[in-house]
């Protein structure tokens, strides 16, 4: 399947960032990491859809209330 220009552009920005920030040294390493991240994202989406199809969901309002509560708390500092 041919690549779309948007996919090429996305990879270009990803690889540029990874090399500039010294996360990876070679284009081959960037491509492997990029593909691994894409596969993980697709798998997470599949899991989410399976949860929805199985009825493992909760109301959006409930989620947002919990998120707002968590964001309003000060960060927890691990005990030394």
Foldseek 3Di string as FASTA:
>chain_A
DDDDPVVVVVLVVQVVVCCVVVVDPDSVVSVVVVVVVVVVVVVVVVVVVVCVVVVVDDDPVVVVVVVVVVVVDDDDDDDD
